[in-house]
Amino acid sequence: MRRSDIPFAVEISDSEKWGIPASDFQRILRLDPRGSFIAIKDSGKVGVATSVSFRKEVAWIGNVVVDRRFRGRHLGLLLVIYALTYLKKRHVKNIALYCFDENIGFYRKLGFAKGKPFVRMRWKPKTQPESPPGAISRQSLTQSLSLDRKAFGADRSRLIRDWLNSKGASMIGISRGRASSYMLVRDYDDMREIGPWVAVRATEKQLSSLLRTALAASHRRPVEVSISLHNFRALNLFKRHGFRAINTGTSMYFDRVPKMGSPAAVLALGFLDKG
């Protein structure tokens, strides 16, 4: 995949109503210019698959989609195999992806094992919440990236810095005593997304304050988030603030499920197509 393929990638992802802007595909190619692939049939582009590597620790496969007119011909399977082959040659230790429930069987055939399930939730504004104090300063970015690395299990600072240097992304958080938390918030044309969100020793009041800050800046747009179904604290927090489930899925790992990071510290998953 090259930069000239981005309009096609946007078009085919739009056909699935994923709403992925060109800037997201540009970001993926900046992080790994050779890790994404286009399927071509009869001289036409018919499919795409992307991957992003976080050094040698883990790589994430995402945005796997084939034109509906060409499905059933194993093109999606071949795209994932190309991505796997590329990542193996780079000696990446762990290869992962997020998928919704209807696609689990497809990835199992390719040798992926099920990890932890997650739920996609959405908040629809009825009234605009007031914003409490507590925004994080950019001077706290180094501390936030260190916190993220410990929770995620790999260094994705390049990705997060890229987001923060782009339009429509911001970071909020707290650092008080032993309590520390950061939340990345991203704005799209028709929605706002929360994640990743990591917290260590933060109180329910502190977490609620951060979430209310994110909701207050939504400008009455829907807000979506992905949460591990094993993190009951996070699930209850989002439910109390009016979030409702819209889909479920699971993380999947090629060959084996590794032990990575500190899952209990991850209140919201980040970047379903990038880890």
C-alpha atoms as a PDB file:
ATOM      1  CA  MET A   1       0.000   0.000   0.000  1.00  0.00           C
ATOM      2  CA  ARG A   2       1.228   3.478  -0.960  1.00  0.00           C
ATOM      3  CA  ARG A   3      -0.032   6.971  -0.248  1.00  0.00           C
ATOM      4  CA  SER A   4      -1.707   6.969  -3.664  1.00  0.00           C
ATOM      5  CA  ASP A   5      -3.872   4.052  -2.462  1.00  0.00           C
ATOM      6  CA  ILE A   6      -5.354   6.018   0.443  1.00  0.00           C
ATOM      7  CA  PRO A   7      -8.436   7.310  -1.454  1.00  0.00           C
ATOM      8  CA  PHE A   8      -9.302   3.695  -2.309  1.00  0.00           C
ATOM      9  CA  ALA A   9      -8.766   2.618   1.306  1.00  0.00           C
ATOM     10  CA  VAL A  10     -11.107   5.374   2.509  1.00  0.00           C
ATOM     11  CA  GLU A  11     -13.717   4.471  -0.117  1.00  0.00           C
ATOM     12  CA  ILE A  12     -13.777   0.765   0.683  1.00  0.00           C
ATOM     13  CA  SER A  13     -13.824   1.350   4.447  1.00  0.00           C
ATOM     14  CA  ASP A  14     -16.676   3.829   3.965  1.00  0.00           C
ATOM     15  CA  SER A  15     -18.630   1.036   2.260  1.00  0.00           C
ATOM     16  CA  GLU A  16     -18.541  -0.731   5.656  1.00  0.00           C
ATOM     17  CA  LYS A  17     -19.561   2.497   7.453  1.00  0.00           C
ATOM     18  CA  TRP A  18     -16.321   2.496   9.459  1.00  0.00           C
ATOM     19  CA  GLY A  19     -15.799   6.231   8.990  1.00  0.00           C
ATOM     20  CA  ILE A  20     -11.991   6.023   8.766  1.00  0.00           C
ATOM     21  CA  PRO A  21     -10.581   9.328   7.470  1.00  0.00           C
ATOM     22  CA  ALA A  22      -7.619   9.604   5.125  1.00  0.00           C
ATOM     23  CA  SER A  23      -5.542  10.983   8.003  1.00  0.00           C
ATOM     24  CA  ASP A  24      -5.778   7.612   9.787  1.00  0.00           C
ATOM     25  CA  PHE A  25      -4.373   5.739   6.792  1.00  0.00           C
ATOM     26  CA  GLN A  26      -1.684   8.407   6.411  1.00  0.00           C
ATOM     27  CA  ARG A  27      -0.766   7.857  10.052  1.00  0.00           C
ATOM     28  CA  ILE A  28      -0.519   4.091   9.552  1.00  0.00           C
ATOM     29  CA  LEU A  29       1.839   4.550   6.595  1.00  0.00           C
ATOM     30  CA  ARG A  30       3.973   7.018   8.546  1.00  0.00           C
ATOM     31  CA  LEU A  31       4.368   4.462  11.339  1.00  0.00           C
ATOM     32  CA  ASP A  32       5.148   1.592   8.978  1.00  0.00           C
ATOM     33  CA  PRO A  33       5.388   2.466   5.253  1.00  0.00           C
ATOM     34  CA  ARG A  34       5.682  -1.200   4.161  1.00  0.00           C
ATOM     35  CA  GLY A  35       3.275  -2.945   6.504  1.00  0.00           C
ATOM     36  CA  SER A  36      -0.039  -2.458   4.674  1.00  0.00           C
ATOM     37  CA  PHE A  37      -1.304  -4.164   1.534  1.00  0.00           C
ATOM     38  CA  ILE A  38      -3.735  -3.763  -1.362  1.00  0.00           C
ATOM     39  CA  ALA A  39      -5.422  -6.671  -3.133  1.00  0.00           C
ATOM     40  CA  ILE A  40      -5.619  -6.308  -6.920  1.00  0.00           C
ATOM     41  CA  LYS A  41      -7.919  -8.328  -9.172  1.00  0.00           C
ATOM     42  CA  ASP A  42      -8.127  -7.851 -12.943  1.00  0.00           C
ATOM     43  CA  SER A  43      -5.999  -4.685 -12.656  1.00  0.00           C
ATOM     44  CA  GLY A  44      -8.394  -3.139 -10.118  1.00  0.00           C
ATOM     45  CA  LYS A  45      -8.035  -2.543  -6.396  1.00  0.00           C
ATOM     46  CA  VAL A  46     -10.447  -4.759  -4.457  1.00  0.00           C
ATOM     47  CA  GLY A  47      -9.173  -5.040  -0.871  1.00  0.00           C
ATOM     48  CA  VAL A  48      -6.953  -3.657   1.872  1.00  0.00           C
ATOM     49  CA  ALA A  49      -5.256  -4.734   5.102  1.00  0.00           C
ATOM     50  CA  THR A  50      -3.064  -2.604   7.360  1.00  0.00           C
ATOM     51  CA  SER A  51      -0.543  -3.310  10.092  1.00  0.00           C
ATOM     52  CA  VAL A  52       1.347  -1.237  12.639  1.00  0.00           C
ATOM     53  CA  SER A  53       4.378  -2.457  14.598  1.00  0.00           C
ATOM     54  CA  PHE A  54       5.426  -1.252  18.037  1.00  0.00           C
ATOM     55  CA  ARG A  55       9.128  -2.010  17.756  1.00  0.00           C
ATOM     56  CA  LYS A  56       9.613  -5.789  18.013  1.00  0.00           C
ATOM     57  CA  GLU A  57       7.184  -6.363  20.889  1.00  0.00           C
ATOM     58  CA  VAL A  58       3.834  -6.454  19.127  1.00  0.00           C
ATOM     59  CA  ALA A  59       2.186  -5.615  15.806  1.00  0.00           C
ATOM     60  CA  TRP A  60      -1.478  -4.940  15.161  1.00  0.00           C
ATOM     61  CA  ILE A  61      -3.386  -5.902  12.019  1.00  0.00           C
ATOM     62  CA  GLY A  62      -6.461  -3.868  11.100  1.00  0.00           C
ATOM     63  CA  ASN A  63      -8.805  -2.544   8.420  1.00  0.00           C
ATOM     64  CA  VAL A  64      -9.125  -5.884   6.630  1.00  0.00           C
ATOM     65  CA  VAL A  65     -11.846  -5.475   4.020  1.00  0.00           C
ATOM     66  CA  VAL A  66     -12.605  -6.767   0.501  1.00  0.00           C
ATOM     67  CA  ASP A  67     -14.992  -5.313  -2.054  1.00  0.00           C
ATOM     68  CA  ARG A  68     -18.329  -7.099  -1.674  1.00  0.00           C
ATOM     69  CA  ARG A  69     -18.303  -8.056  -5.368  1.00  0.00           C
ATOM     70  CA  PHE A  70     -15.110 -10.083  -4.881  1.00  0.00           C
ATOM     71  CA  ARG A  71     -15.797 -11.834  -1.589  1.00  0.00           C
ATOM     72  CA  GLY A  72     -15.690 -15.603  -1.315  1.00  0.00           C
ATOM     73  CA  ARG A  73     -12.465 -15.819  -3.334  1.00  0.00           C
ATOM     74  CA  HIS A  74     -10.069 -15.932  -0.335  1.00  0.00           C
ATOM     75  CA  LEU A  75      -8.734 -12.444  -1.012  1.00  0.00           C
ATOM     76  CA  GLY A  76      -9.190 -11.410   2.624  1.00  0.00           C
ATOM     77  CA  LEU A  77      -7.306 -14.509   3.714  1.00  0.00           C
ATOM     78  CA  LEU A  78      -4.439 -13.692   1.333  1.00  0.00           C
ATOM     79  CA  LEU A  79      -4.242 -10.110   2.590  1.00  0.00           C
ATOM     80  CA  VAL A  80      -3.855 -11.280   6.194  1.00  0.00           C
ATOM     81  CA  ILE A  81      -1.267 -13.882   5.122  1.00  0.00           C
ATOM     82  CA  TYR A  82       0.746 -11.125   3.394  1.00  0.00           C
ATOM     83  CA  ALA A  83       0.640  -9.061   6.599  1.00  0.00           C
ATOM     84  CA  LEU A  84       1.634 -12.063   8.721  1.00  0.00           C
ATOM     85  CA  THR A  85       4.515 -12.921   6.396  1.00  0.00           C
ATOM     86  CA  TYR A  86       5.807  -9.354   6.505  1.00  0.00           C
ATOM     87  CA  LEU A  87       5.620  -9.171  10.307  1.00  0.00           C
ATOM     88  CA  LYS A  88       7.297 -12.553  10.773  1.00  0.00           C
ATOM     89  CA  LYS A  89      10.187 -11.445   8.572  1.00  0.00           C
ATOM     90  CA  ARG A  90      10.564  -8.442  10.861  1.00  0.00           C
ATOM     91  CA  HIS A  91      10.753 -10.861  13.832  1.00  0.00           C
ATOM     92  CA  VAL A  92       7.877  -9.237  15.700  1.00  0.00           C
ATOM     93  CA  LYS A  93       7.261 -11.261  18.885  1.00  0.00           C
ATOM     94  CA  ASN A  94       3.466 -10.980  19.020  1.00  0.00           C
ATOM     95  CA  ILE A  95       0.928 -10.344  16.244  1.00  0.00           C
ATOM     96  CA  ALA A  96      -2.536  -9.262  17.304  1.00  0.00           C
ATOM     97  CA  LEU A  97      -5.816  -7.790  16.120  1.00  0.00           C
ATOM     98  CA  TYR A  98      -9.253  -6.824  17.369  1.00  0.00           C
ATOM     99  CA  CYS A  99     -12.270  -8.308  15.618  1.00  0.00           C
ATOM    100  CA  PHE A 100     -16.004  -8.328  16.147  1.00  0.00           C
ATOM    101  CA  ASP A 101     -17.741 -11.601  16.959  1.00  0.00           C
ATOM    102  CA  GLU A 102     -18.852 -12.388  13.408  1.00  0.00           C
ATOM    103  CA  ASN A 103     -15.216 -12.563  12.226  1.00  0.00           C
ATOM    104  CA  ILE A 104     -13.716 -14.786  14.932  1.00  0.00           C
ATOM    105  CA  GLY A 105     -14.022 -17.946  12.815  1.00  0.00           C
ATOM    106  CA  PHE A 106     -12.189 -16.320   9.902  1.00  0.00           C
ATOM    107  CA  TYR A 107      -9.145 -15.504  12.037  1.00  0.00           C
ATOM    108  CA  ARG A 108      -9.160 -18.848  13.808  1.00  0.00           C
ATOM    109  CA  LYS A 109      -8.657 -20.519  10.424  1.00  0.00           C
ATOM    110  CA  LEU A 110      -5.521 -18.417  10.026  1.00  0.00           C
ATOM    111  CA  GLY A 111      -4.072 -19.590  13.344  1.00  0.00           C
ATOM    112  CA  PHE A 112      -5.199 -16.808  15.676  1.00  0.00           C
ATOM    113  CA  ALA A 113      -6.163 -17.620  19.266  1.00  0.00           C
ATOM    114  CA  LYS A 114      -8.834 -15.767  21.221  1.00  0.00           C
ATOM    115  CA  GLY A 115      -7.721 -13.265  23.818  1.00  0.00           C
ATOM    116  CA  LYS A 116      -9.963 -11.145  26.017  1.00  0.00           C
ATOM    117  CA  PRO A 117     -13.424 -10.057  24.848  1.00  0.00           C
ATOM    118  CA  PHE A 118     -14.399  -6.398  24.592  1.00  0.00           C
ATOM    119  CA  VAL A 119     -17.564  -4.364  24.184  1.00  0.00           C
ATOM    120  CA  ARG A 120     -18.072  -1.291  22.033  1.00  0.00           C
ATOM    121  CA  MET A 121     -20.246   1.303  23.807  1.00  0.00           C
ATOM    122  CA  ARG A 122     -21.847   4.594  22.781  1.00  0.00           C
ATOM    123  CA  TRP A 123     -23.066   7.646  24.657  1.00  0.00           C
ATOM    124  CA  LYS A 124     -25.767   9.806  23.097  1.00  0.00           C
ATOM    125  CA  PRO A 125     -26.071  13.269  24.638  1.00  0.00           C
ATOM    126  CA  LYS A 126     -29.389  14.322  26.112  1.00  0.00           C
ATOM    127  CA  THR A 127     -28.026  17.349  27.911  1.00  0.00           C
ATOM    128  CA  GLN A 128     -24.529  18.796  27.747  1.00  0.00           C
ATOM    129  CA  PRO A 129     -22.591  17.874  30.928  1.00  0.00           C
ATOM    130  CA  GLU A 130     -20.619  20.562  32.730  1.00  0.00           C
ATOM    131  CA  SER A 131     -16.861  20.237  32.604  1.00  0.00           C
ATOM    132  CA  PRO A 132     -15.104  19.779  35.970  1.00  0.00           C
ATOM    133  CA  PRO A 133     -11.516  21.017  36.429  1.00  0.00           C
ATOM    134  CA  GLY A 134      -8.546  18.703  35.912  1.00  0.00           C
ATOM    135  CA  ALA A 135      -7.102  18.863  32.374  1.00  0.00           C
ATOM    136  CA  ILE A 136      -3.619  17.447  31.940  1.00  0.00           C
ATOM    137  CA  SER A 137      -0.819  19.694  30.705  1.00  0.00           C
ATOM    138  CA  ARG A 138       1.389  18.820  27.748  1.00  0.00           C
ATOM    139  CA  GLN A 139       4.324  18.853  30.170  1.00  0.00           C
ATOM    140  CA  SER A 140       2.873  15.630  31.611  1.00  0.00           C
ATOM    141  CA  LEU A 141       3.150  13.801  28.281  1.00  0.00           C
ATOM    142  CA  THR A 142       6.334  11.923  29.231  1.00  0.00           C
ATOM    143  CA  GLN A 143       4.716  10.584  32.392  1.00  0.00           C
ATOM    144  CA  SER A 144       1.575   9.608  30.465  1.00  0.00           C
ATOM    145  CA  LEU A 145       3.568   7.735  27.824  1.00  0.00           C
ATOM    146  CA  SER A 146       5.443   5.844  30.544  1.00  0.00           C
ATOM    147  CA  LEU A 147       2.122   4.912  32.139  1.00  0.00           C
ATOM    148  CA  ASP A 148       0.770   3.769  28.779  1.00  0.00           C
ATOM    149  CA  ARG A 149       3.837   1.637  28.051  1.00  0.00           C
ATOM    150  CA  LYS A 150       3.473  -0.251  31.340  1.00  0.00           C
ATOM    151  CA  ALA A 151      -0.263  -0.807  30.854  1.00  0.00           C
ATOM    152  CA  PHE A 152      -0.153  -1.740  27.155  1.00  0.00           C
ATOM    153  CA  GLY A 153       3.030  -3.796  27.354  1.00  0.00           C
ATOM    154  CA  ALA A 154       4.812  -2.098  24.445  1.00  0.00           C
ATOM    155  CA  ASP A 155       5.952   1.360  23.428  1.00  0.00           C
ATOM    156  CA  ARG A 156       3.322   3.052  21.259  1.00  0.00           C
ATOM    157  CA  SER A 157       4.567   6.576  21.975  1.00  0.00           C
ATOM    158  CA  ARG A 158       5.132   7.296  18.252  1.00  0.00           C
ATOM    159  CA  LEU A 159       1.471   6.613  17.565  1.00  0.00           C
ATOM    160  CA  ILE A 160       0.213   8.700  20.483  1.00  0.00           C
ATOM    161  CA  ARG A 161       2.558  11.601  19.689  1.00  0.00           C
ATOM    162  CA  ASP A 162       1.409  11.467  16.070  1.00  0.00           C
ATOM    163  CA  TRP A 163      -2.199  11.719  17.230  1.00  0.00           C
ATOM    164  CA  LEU A 164      -1.492  14.646  19.535  1.00  0.00           C
ATOM    165  CA  ASN A 165       0.327  16.496  16.747  1.00  0.00           C
ATOM    166  CA  SER A 166      -2.714  16.183  14.513  1.00  0.00           C
ATOM    167  CA  LYS A 167      -5.974  18.079  14.497  1.00  0.00           C
ATOM    168  CA  GLY A 168      -8.782  16.784  16.688  1.00  0.00           C
ATOM    169  CA  ALA A 169      -6.886  14.867  19.374  1.00  0.00           C
ATOM    170  CA  SER A 170      -6.250  15.854  22.974  1.00  0.00           C
ATOM    171  CA  MET A 171      -5.112  14.354  26.248  1.00  0.00           C
ATOM    172  CA  ILE A 172      -6.588  14.865  29.693  1.00  0.00           C
ATOM    173  CA  GLY A 173      -5.601  13.315  32.980  1.00  0.00           C
ATOM    174  CA  ILE A 174      -4.505  13.579  36.592  1.00  0.00           C
ATOM    175  CA  SER A 175      -1.339  13.068  38.602  1.00  0.00           C
ATOM    176  CA  ARG A 176      -1.941  13.450  42.328  1.00  0.00           C
ATOM    177  CA  GLY A 177       0.191  11.599  44.818  1.00  0.00           C
ATOM    178  CA  ARG A 178       0.227   7.918  43.862  1.00  0.00           C
ATOM    179  CA  ALA A 179      -2.828   8.312  41.616  1.00  0.00           C
ATOM    180  CA  SER A 180      -2.138   8.728  37.914  1.00  0.00           C
ATOM    181  CA  SER A 181      -4.339   8.552  34.841  1.00  0.00           C
ATOM    182  CA  TYR A 182      -4.436   9.771  31.260  1.00  0.00           C
ATOM    183  CA  MET A 183      -7.116   9.638  28.581  1.00  0.00           C
ATOM    184  CA  LEU A 184      -6.692  10.249  24.864  1.00  0.00           C
ATOM    185  CA  VAL A 185      -9.730  11.768  23.134  1.00  0.00           C
ATOM    186  CA  ARG A 186     -10.137  11.963  19.366  1.00  0.00           C
ATOM    187  CA  ASP A 187     -12.666  13.992  17.385  1.00  0.00           C
ATOM    188  CA  TYR A 188     -14.193  12.938  14.094  1.00  0.00           C
ATOM    189  CA  ASP A 189     -16.756  14.732  11.951  1.00  0.00           C
ATOM    190  CA  ASP A 190     -19.761  13.035  13.518  1.00  0.00           C
ATOM    191  CA  MET A 191     -18.486  11.575  16.801  1.00  0.00           C
ATOM    192  CA  ARG A 192     -15.843  11.632  19.525  1.00  0.00           C
ATOM    193  CA  GLU A 193     -13.868   8.575  20.662  1.00  0.00           C
ATOM    194  CA  ILE A 194     -12.290   7.876  24.053  1.00  0.00           C
ATOM    195  CA  GLY A 195      -9.234   5.669  24.256  1.00  0.00           C
ATOM    196  CA  PRO A 196      -6.738   4.648  25.245  1.00  0.00           C
ATOM    197  CA  TRP A 197      -7.499   5.438  28.885  1.00  0.00           C
ATOM    198  CA  VAL A 198      -5.125   4.169  31.559  1.00  0.00           C
ATOM    199  CA  ALA A 199      -5.394   4.644  35.329  1.00  0.00           C
ATOM    200  CA  VAL A 200      -3.376   3.549  38.357  1.00  0.00           C
ATOM    201  CA  ARG A 201      -4.676   4.065  41.914  1.00  0.00           C
ATOM    202  CA  ALA A 202      -7.183   6.687  40.765  1.00  0.00           C
ATOM    203  CA  THR A 203     -10.394   7.054  42.774  1.00  0.00           C
ATOM    204  CA  GLU A 204     -13.895   6.700  41.349  1.00  0.00           C
ATOM    205  CA  LYS A 205     -14.381  10.438  41.823  1.00  0.00           C
ATOM    206  CA  GLN A 206     -11.234  11.219  39.857  1.00  0.00           C
ATOM    207  CA  LEU A 207     -12.170   8.852  37.039  1.00  0.00           C
ATOM    208  CA  SER A 208     -15.693  10.245  36.880  1.00  0.00           C
ATOM    209  CA  SER A 209     -14.255  13.761  36.654  1.00  0.00           C
ATOM    210  CA  LEU A 210     -12.083  12.787  33.696  1.00  0.00           C
ATOM    211  CA  LEU A 211     -14.972  11.136  31.890  1.00  0.00           C
ATOM    212  CA  ARG A 212     -17.245  14.126  32.459  1.00  0.00           C
ATOM    213  CA  THR A 213     -14.517  16.384  31.051  1.00  0.00           C
ATOM    214  CA  ALA A 214     -14.411  14.286  27.869  1.00  0.00           C
ATOM    215  CA  LEU A 215     -18.199  14.263  27.526  1.00  0.00           C
ATOM    216  CA  ALA A 216     -18.528  17.984  28.161  1.00  0.00           C
ATOM    217  CA  ALA A 217     -16.257  18.734  25.190  1.00  0.00           C
ATOM    218  CA  SER A 218     -18.244  16.491  22.814  1.00  0.00           C
ATOM    219  CA  HIS A 219     -20.339  19.436  21.514  1.00  0.00           C
ATOM    220  CA  ARG A 220     -23.417  17.193  21.689  1.00  0.00           C
ATOM    221  CA  ARG A 221     -21.931  14.547  19.396  1.00  0.00           C
ATOM    222  CA  PRO A 222     -22.100  10.820  20.251  1.00  0.00           C
ATOM    223  CA  VAL A 223     -19.081   9.423  22.097  1.00  0.00           C
ATOM    224  CA  GLU A 224     -17.831   5.856  21.590  1.00  0.00           C
ATOM    225  CA  VAL A 225     -15.417   3.675  23.541  1.00  0.00           C
ATOM    226  CA  SER A 226     -14.134   0.079  23.566  1.00  0.00           C
ATOM    227  CA  ILE A 227     -13.758  -1.661  26.936  1.00  0.00           C
ATOM    228  CA  SER A 228     -12.510  -5.062  28.067  1.00  0.00           C
ATOM    229  CA  LEU A 229     -15.415  -7.153  29.348  1.00  0.00           C
ATOM    230  CA  HIS A 230     -13.116  -8.289  32.166  1.00  0.00           C
ATOM    231  CA  ASN A 231     -12.710  -4.752  33.513  1.00  0.00           C
ATOM    232  CA  PHE A 232     -15.864  -4.471  35.628  1.00  0.00           C
ATOM    233  CA  ARG A 233     -14.741  -1.176  37.139  1.00  0.00           C
ATOM    234  CA  ALA A 234     -14.583   0.480  33.737  1.00  0.00           C
ATOM    235  CA  LEU A 235     -17.830  -1.114  32.555  1.00  0.00           C
ATOM    236  CA  ASN A 236     -19.739   0.134  35.599  1.00  0.00           C
ATOM    237  CA  LEU A 237     -18.218   3.608  35.258  1.00  0.00           C
ATOM    238  CA  PHE A 238     -19.314   4.016  31.643  1.00  0.00           C
ATOM    239  CA  LYS A 239     -22.753   2.538  32.327  1.00  0.00           C
ATOM    240  CA  ARG A 240     -23.313   5.020  35.157  1.00  0.00           C
ATOM    241  CA  HIS A 241     -22.606   7.834  32.720  1.00  0.00           C
ATOM    242  CA  GLY A 242     -25.150   6.597  30.187  1.00  0.00           C
ATOM    243  CA  PHE A 243     -23.051   4.498  27.779  1.00  0.00           C
ATOM    244  CA  ARG A 244     -24.805   1.527  26.137  1.00  0.00           C
ATOM    245  CA  ALA A 245     -23.378  -1.503  24.312  1.00  0.00           C
ATOM    246  CA  ILE A 246     -23.560  -1.506  20.500  1.00  0.00           C
ATOM    247  CA  ASN A 247     -21.254  -4.422  19.576  1.00  0.00           C
ATOM    248  CA  THR A 248     -18.938  -7.051  21.034  1.00  0.00           C
ATOM    249  CA  GLY A 249     -15.694  -8.610  19.895  1.00  0.00           C
ATOM    250  CA  THR A 250     -12.393 -10.022  21.085  1.00  0.00           C
ATOM    251  CA  SER A 251      -8.675  -9.513  20.864  1.00  0.00           C
ATOM    252  CA  MET A 252      -6.896 -12.269  18.939  1.00  0.00           C
ATOM    253  CA  TYR A 253      -3.231 -13.256  18.807  1.00  0.00           C
ATOM    254  CA  PHE A 254      -1.418 -15.258  16.190  1.00  0.00           C
ATOM    255  CA  ASP A 255      -0.349 -18.695  17.457  1.00  0.00           C
ATOM    256  CA  ARG A 256      -0.592 -17.920  21.184  1.00  0.00           C
ATOM    257  CA  VAL A 257      -1.968 -15.399  23.671  1.00  0.00           C
ATOM    258  CA  PRO A 258       0.924 -13.646  25.445  1.00  0.00           C
ATOM    259  CA  LYS A 259       0.929 -11.966  28.821  1.00  0.00           C
ATOM    260  CA  MET A 260       1.406  -8.280  28.105  1.00  0.00           C
ATOM    261  CA  GLY A 261       1.172  -5.154  30.204  1.00  0.00           C
ATOM    262  CA  SER A 262      -1.278  -4.559  33.039  1.00  0.00           C
ATOM    263  CA  PRO A 263      -4.797  -5.126  31.667  1.00  0.00           C
ATOM    264  CA  ALA A 264      -6.470  -4.037  34.924  1.00  0.00           C
ATOM    265  CA  ALA A 265      -5.033  -0.534  34.428  1.00  0.00           C
ATOM    266  CA  VAL A 266      -6.622  -0.163  30.976  1.00  0.00           C
ATOM    267  CA  LEU A 267     -10.049   1.449  31.364  1.00  0.00           C
ATOM    268  CA  ALA A 268     -10.570   1.994  27.635  1.00  0.00           C
ATOM    269  CA  LEU A 269      -8.898   0.302  24.694  1.00  0.00           C
ATOM    270  CA  GLY A 270      -7.304   2.450  22.043  1.00  0.00           C
ATOM    271  CA  PHE A 271      -7.111   2.253  18.276  1.00  0.00           C
ATOM    272  CA  LEU A 272      -8.967  -0.950  17.385  1.00  0.00           C
ATOM    273  CA  ASP A 273      -7.051  -1.062  14.104  1.00  0.00           C
ATOM    274  CA  LYS A 274      -3.687  -0.140  15.651  1.00  0.00           C
ATOM    275  CA  GLY A 275      -3.716  -1.671  19.143  1.00  0.00           C
END
